[in-house]
Amino acid sequence: MRTLLERKEYEIFLPTYQEVRKYSDRMKKIDAALFPGYLFCRMDVTRRLPILKTPGVHGILGADGEPTPIPDTEIVAIQRVIGSGARVGPWPFLKAGDVVRVERGAFAGVTGILVTERGVDRLILSVEMLQRSVSVEIDRTWIRPMKA
């Protein structure tokens, strides 16, 4: 599906992460979709039929039958995290938690939710429309709470 949309000259973003899969005789690292079943496509909402006719495309997310764009800030934040080389992985979607802004390092300017898992601080980035999130390890000294 990705290749078909790229051949139609759409700008596609399919974020992936490294996952270790266990088989009966070995362990194997694979690139897995960060948001299984979804890819991001920049498009003209008035010309969506070519996308909908692409094999593998089941629909376009939106509300009331109209496509709803995902804010560029959410896409850019995920692209920065993916491009950093940091360990990234899917995370359950969160609504509650401390909202923080990264002040230093590779993710400076990125806003997310801070959680601690097994003594490791993680920054959670969410894509509201998908109700999905990703997490990345973060140094606590790099972040500051957002003002309410």
C-alpha atoms as a PDB file:
ATOM      1  CA  MET A   1       0.000   0.000   0.000  1.00  0.00           C
ATOM      2  CA  ARG A   2       2.814   2.415   0.890  1.00  0.00           C
ATOM      3  CA  THR A   3       4.566   1.811  -2.418  1.00  0.00           C
ATOM      4  CA  LEU A   4       1.319   2.175  -4.365  1.00  0.00           C
ATOM      5  CA  LEU A   5       0.601   5.547  -2.746  1.00  0.00           C
ATOM      6  CA  GLU A   6       4.178   6.721  -3.316  1.00  0.00           C
ATOM      7  CA  ARG A   7       3.844   5.775  -7.008  1.00  0.00           C
ATOM      8  CA  LYS A   8       0.805   8.061  -7.087  1.00  0.00           C
ATOM      9  CA  GLU A   9       3.189  10.761  -5.769  1.00  0.00           C
ATOM     10  CA  TYR A  10       1.707  11.125  -2.287  1.00  0.00           C
ATOM     11  CA  GLU A  11       3.964  12.064   0.614  1.00  0.00           C
ATOM     12  CA  ILE A  12       3.876   9.062   2.963  1.00  0.00           C
ATOM     13  CA  PHE A  13       5.144   8.640   6.529  1.00  0.00           C
ATOM     14  CA  LEU A  14       5.130   5.130   7.965  1.00  0.00           C
ATOM     15  CA  PRO A  15       6.890   5.220  11.343  1.00  0.00           C
ATOM     16  CA  THR A  16       8.531   1.966  12.414  1.00  0.00           C
ATOM     17  CA  TYR A  17      10.530   0.706  15.377  1.00  0.00           C
ATOM     18  CA  GLN A  18      12.856  -2.232  16.015  1.00  0.00           C
ATOM     19  CA  GLU A  19      11.066  -5.158  17.635  1.00  0.00           C
ATOM     20  CA  VAL A  20      12.558  -8.474  18.687  1.00  0.00           C
ATOM     21  CA  ARG A  21      10.368 -11.412  17.708  1.00  0.00           C
ATOM     22  CA  LYS A  22      10.864 -14.788  19.315  1.00  0.00           C
ATOM     23  CA  TYR A  23      10.567 -17.822  17.094  1.00  0.00           C
ATOM     24  CA  SER A  24      10.876 -21.446  18.201  1.00  0.00           C
ATOM     25  CA  ASP A  25      14.511 -21.625  17.059  1.00  0.00           C
ATOM     26  CA  ARG A  26      15.741 -18.009  17.127  1.00  0.00           C
ATOM     27  CA  MET A  27      15.230 -14.368  17.973  1.00  0.00           C
ATOM     28  CA  LYS A  28      14.929 -11.908  15.093  1.00  0.00           C
ATOM     29  CA  LYS A  29      14.899  -8.097  14.936  1.00  0.00           C
ATOM     30  CA  ILE A  30      12.293  -6.672  12.580  1.00  0.00           C
ATOM     31  CA  ASP A  31      10.970  -3.253  11.648  1.00  0.00           C
ATOM     32  CA  ALA A  32       7.408  -3.138  12.973  1.00  0.00           C
ATOM     33  CA  ALA A  33       4.803  -0.426  12.367  1.00  0.00           C
ATOM     34  CA  LEU A  34       4.618   2.003  15.261  1.00  0.00           C
ATOM     35  CA  PHE A  35       0.889   2.443  14.585  1.00  0.00           C
ATOM     36  CA  PRO A  36      -0.224  -0.933  13.166  1.00  0.00           C
ATOM     37  CA  GLY A  37      -2.863  -0.528  10.477  1.00  0.00           C
ATOM     38  CA  TYR A  38      -2.134   3.180   9.907  1.00  0.00           C
ATOM     39  CA  LEU A  39       0.134   5.285   7.742  1.00  0.00           C
ATOM     40  CA  PHE A  40       0.223   9.036   7.317  1.00  0.00           C
ATOM     41  CA  CYS A  41      -0.398  10.617   3.920  1.00  0.00           C
ATOM     42  CA  ARG A  42      -0.310  14.282   2.953  1.00  0.00           C
ATOM     43  CA  MET A  43      -3.224  14.844   0.592  1.00  0.00           C
ATOM     44  CA  ASP A  44      -5.698  17.297  -0.869  1.00  0.00           C
ATOM     45  CA  VAL A  45      -8.951  16.427   0.944  1.00  0.00           C
ATOM     46  CA  THR A  46     -10.974  17.343  -2.146  1.00  0.00           C
ATOM     47  CA  ARG A  47      -9.142  14.629  -4.150  1.00  0.00           C
ATOM     48  CA  ARG A  48      -9.313  11.565  -1.920  1.00  0.00           C
ATOM     49  CA  LEU A  49     -10.795   9.050  -4.377  1.00  0.00           C
ATOM     50  CA  PRO A  50      -7.385   7.931  -5.765  1.00  0.00           C
ATOM     51  CA  ILE A  51      -6.320   7.124  -2.198  1.00  0.00           C
ATOM     52  CA  LEU A  52      -9.535   5.278  -1.375  1.00  0.00           C
ATOM     53  CA  LYS A  53      -9.170   3.175  -4.551  1.00  0.00           C
ATOM     54  CA  THR A  54      -5.657   2.052  -3.568  1.00  0.00           C
ATOM     55  CA  PRO A  55      -5.548  -1.659  -2.651  1.00  0.00           C
ATOM     56  CA  GLY A  56      -5.106  -2.046   1.109  1.00  0.00           C
ATOM     57  CA  VAL A  57      -6.641   1.320   2.000  1.00  0.00           C
ATOM     58  CA  HIS A  58      -9.744   0.790   4.113  1.00  0.00           C
ATOM     59  CA  GLY A  59     -10.583   4.416   4.794  1.00  0.00           C
ATOM     60  CA  ILE A  60      -9.406   7.863   5.802  1.00  0.00           C
ATOM     61  CA  LEU A  61      -9.731   8.944   9.421  1.00  0.00           C
ATOM     62  CA  GLY A  62     -12.048  11.795  10.135  1.00  0.00           C
ATOM     63  CA  ALA A  63     -15.235  12.975  11.744  1.00  0.00           C
ATOM     64  CA  ASP A  64     -18.731  13.209  10.271  1.00  0.00           C
ATOM     65  CA  GLY A  65     -17.551  11.647   7.002  1.00  0.00           C
ATOM     66  CA  GLU A  66     -14.866  14.294   6.436  1.00  0.00           C
ATOM     67  CA  PRO A  67     -11.104  13.678   6.659  1.00  0.00           C
ATOM     68  CA  THR A  68      -9.546  15.323   9.694  1.00  0.00           C
ATOM     69  CA  PRO A  69      -5.881  16.301   9.454  1.00  0.00           C
ATOM     70  CA  ILE A  70      -3.475  15.265  12.176  1.00  0.00           C
ATOM     71  CA  PRO A  71      -1.673  18.378  13.467  1.00  0.00           C
ATOM     72  CA  ASP A  72       1.795  18.860  11.953  1.00  0.00           C
ATOM     73  CA  THR A  73       3.219  19.292  15.471  1.00  0.00           C
ATOM     74  CA  GLU A  74       2.275  15.678  16.324  1.00  0.00           C
ATOM     75  CA  ILE A  75       3.790  14.302  13.089  1.00  0.00           C
ATOM     76  CA  VAL A  76       6.986  16.384  13.427  1.00  0.00           C
ATOM     77  CA  ALA A  77       7.453  15.254  17.047  1.00  0.00           C
ATOM     78  CA  ILE A  78       7.200  11.586  16.023  1.00  0.00           C
ATOM     79  CA  GLN A  79       9.540  12.127  13.043  1.00  0.00           C
ATOM     80  CA  ARG A  80      12.131  13.721  15.333  1.00  0.00           C
ATOM     81  CA  VAL A  81      11.957  10.885  17.821  1.00  0.00           C
ATOM     82  CA  ILE A  82      12.158   8.213  15.071  1.00  0.00           C
ATOM     83  CA  GLY A  83      15.089   9.996  13.416  1.00  0.00           C
ATOM     84  CA  SER A  84      17.045  10.359  16.657  1.00  0.00           C
ATOM     85  CA  GLY A  85      18.067   6.716  16.909  1.00  0.00           C
ATOM     86  CA  ALA A  86      16.640   6.494  20.439  1.00  0.00           C
ATOM     87  CA  ARG A  87      14.780   3.363  21.510  1.00  0.00           C
ATOM     88  CA  VAL A  88      11.160   3.946  20.516  1.00  0.00           C
ATOM     89  CA  GLY A  89       8.129   1.713  20.894  1.00  0.00           C
ATOM     90  CA  PRO A  90       4.334   1.744  21.002  1.00  0.00           C
ATOM     91  CA  TRP A  91       2.679   2.838  24.222  1.00  0.00           C
ATOM     92  CA  PRO A  92      -0.916   2.660  25.429  1.00  0.00           C
ATOM     93  CA  PHE A  93      -2.765   5.912  24.745  1.00  0.00           C
ATOM     94  CA  LEU A  94      -2.803   8.128  27.819  1.00  0.00           C
ATOM     95  CA  LYS A  95      -4.996  11.077  28.748  1.00  0.00           C
ATOM     96  CA  ALA A  96      -3.805  11.624  32.303  1.00  0.00           C
ATOM     97  CA  GLY A  97      -0.279  12.439  33.464  1.00  0.00           C
ATOM     98  CA  ASP A  98       2.177  15.252  33.722  1.00  0.00           C
ATOM     99  CA  VAL A  99       2.564  17.223  30.514  1.00  0.00           C
ATOM    100  CA  VAL A 100       6.192  18.185  30.013  1.00  0.00           C
ATOM    101  CA  ARG A 101       8.306  20.072  27.494  1.00  0.00           C
ATOM    102  CA  VAL A 102      11.811  18.951  26.592  1.00  0.00           C
ATOM    103  CA  GLU A 103      14.226  21.859  27.112  1.00  0.00           C
ATOM    104  CA  ARG A 104      17.549  20.262  26.041  1.00  0.00           C
ATOM    105  CA  GLY A 105      18.917  17.515  23.861  1.00  0.00           C
ATOM    106  CA  ALA A 106      17.734  16.042  20.558  1.00  0.00           C
ATOM    107  CA  PHE A 107      14.043  16.506  21.434  1.00  0.00           C
ATOM    108  CA  ALA A 108      14.210  20.148  22.589  1.00  0.00           C
ATOM    109  CA  GLY A 109      10.826  21.795  22.049  1.00  0.00           C
ATOM    110  CA  VAL A 110       8.863  18.517  22.000  1.00  0.00           C
ATOM    111  CA  THR A 111       5.916  18.310  24.399  1.00  0.00           C
ATOM    112  CA  GLY A 112       4.602  15.047  25.827  1.00  0.00           C
ATOM    113  CA  ILE A 113       3.518  13.177  28.932  1.00  0.00           C
ATOM    114  CA  LEU A 114       6.094  11.988  31.448  1.00  0.00           C
ATOM    115  CA  VAL A 115       5.796   8.481  32.890  1.00  0.00           C
ATOM    116  CA  THR A 116       8.206   6.296  34.811  1.00  0.00           C
ATOM    117  CA  GLU A 117       8.382   2.591  34.070  1.00  0.00           C
ATOM    118  CA  ARG A 118      10.690   0.336  36.106  1.00  0.00           C
ATOM    119  CA  GLY A 119      12.776   3.322  37.141  1.00  0.00           C
ATOM    120  CA  VAL A 120      13.160   4.643  33.566  1.00  0.00           C
ATOM    121  CA  ASP A 121      11.688   8.006  32.614  1.00  0.00           C
ATOM    122  CA  ARG A 122       9.807   7.981  29.327  1.00  0.00           C
ATOM    123  CA  LEU A 123       8.224  10.726  27.239  1.00  0.00           C
ATOM    124  CA  ILE A 124       4.877   9.741  25.734  1.00  0.00           C
ATOM    125  CA  LEU A 125       3.892  11.320  22.397  1.00  0.00           C
ATOM    126  CA  SER A 126       0.295  10.899  21.295  1.00  0.00           C
ATOM    127  CA  VAL A 127      -1.594  11.100  18.019  1.00  0.00           C
ATOM    128  CA  GLU A 128      -5.050  12.134  19.206  1.00  0.00           C
ATOM    129  CA  MET A 129      -6.892  11.139  16.020  1.00  0.00           C
ATOM    130  CA  LEU A 130      -5.545   7.569  16.196  1.00  0.00           C
ATOM    131  CA  GLN A 131      -5.820   7.363  19.981  1.00  0.00           C
ATOM    132  CA  ARG A 132      -2.358   5.813  19.925  1.00  0.00           C
ATOM    133  CA  SER A 133       0.897   6.808  21.578  1.00  0.00           C
ATOM    134  CA  VAL A 134       4.619   6.083  21.414  1.00  0.00           C
ATOM    135  CA  SER A 135       7.233   6.282  24.153  1.00  0.00           C
ATOM    136  CA  VAL A 136      10.904   7.225  24.167  1.00  0.00           C
ATOM    137  CA  GLU A 137      13.425   7.155  27.005  1.00  0.00           C
ATOM    138  CA  ILE A 138      14.205  10.648  28.258  1.00  0.00           C
ATOM    139  CA  ASP A 139      16.682  12.192  30.687  1.00  0.00           C
ATOM    140  CA  ARG A 140      14.634  13.819  33.482  1.00  0.00           C
ATOM    141  CA  THR A 141      17.082  16.741  33.650  1.00  0.00           C
ATOM    142  CA  TRP A 142      16.119  17.716  30.087  1.00  0.00           C
ATOM    143  CA  ILE A 143      12.434  18.336  30.841  1.00  0.00           C
ATOM    144  CA  ARG A 144      10.335  20.993  32.566  1.00  0.00           C
ATOM    145  CA  PRO A 145       6.665  20.865  33.524  1.00  0.00           C
ATOM    146  CA  MET A 146       4.278  22.801  31.301  1.00  0.00           C
ATOM    147  CA  LYS A 147       2.469  25.600  33.057  1.00  0.00           C
ATOM    148  CA  ALA A 148      -1.248  24.966  33.588  1.00  0.00           C
END
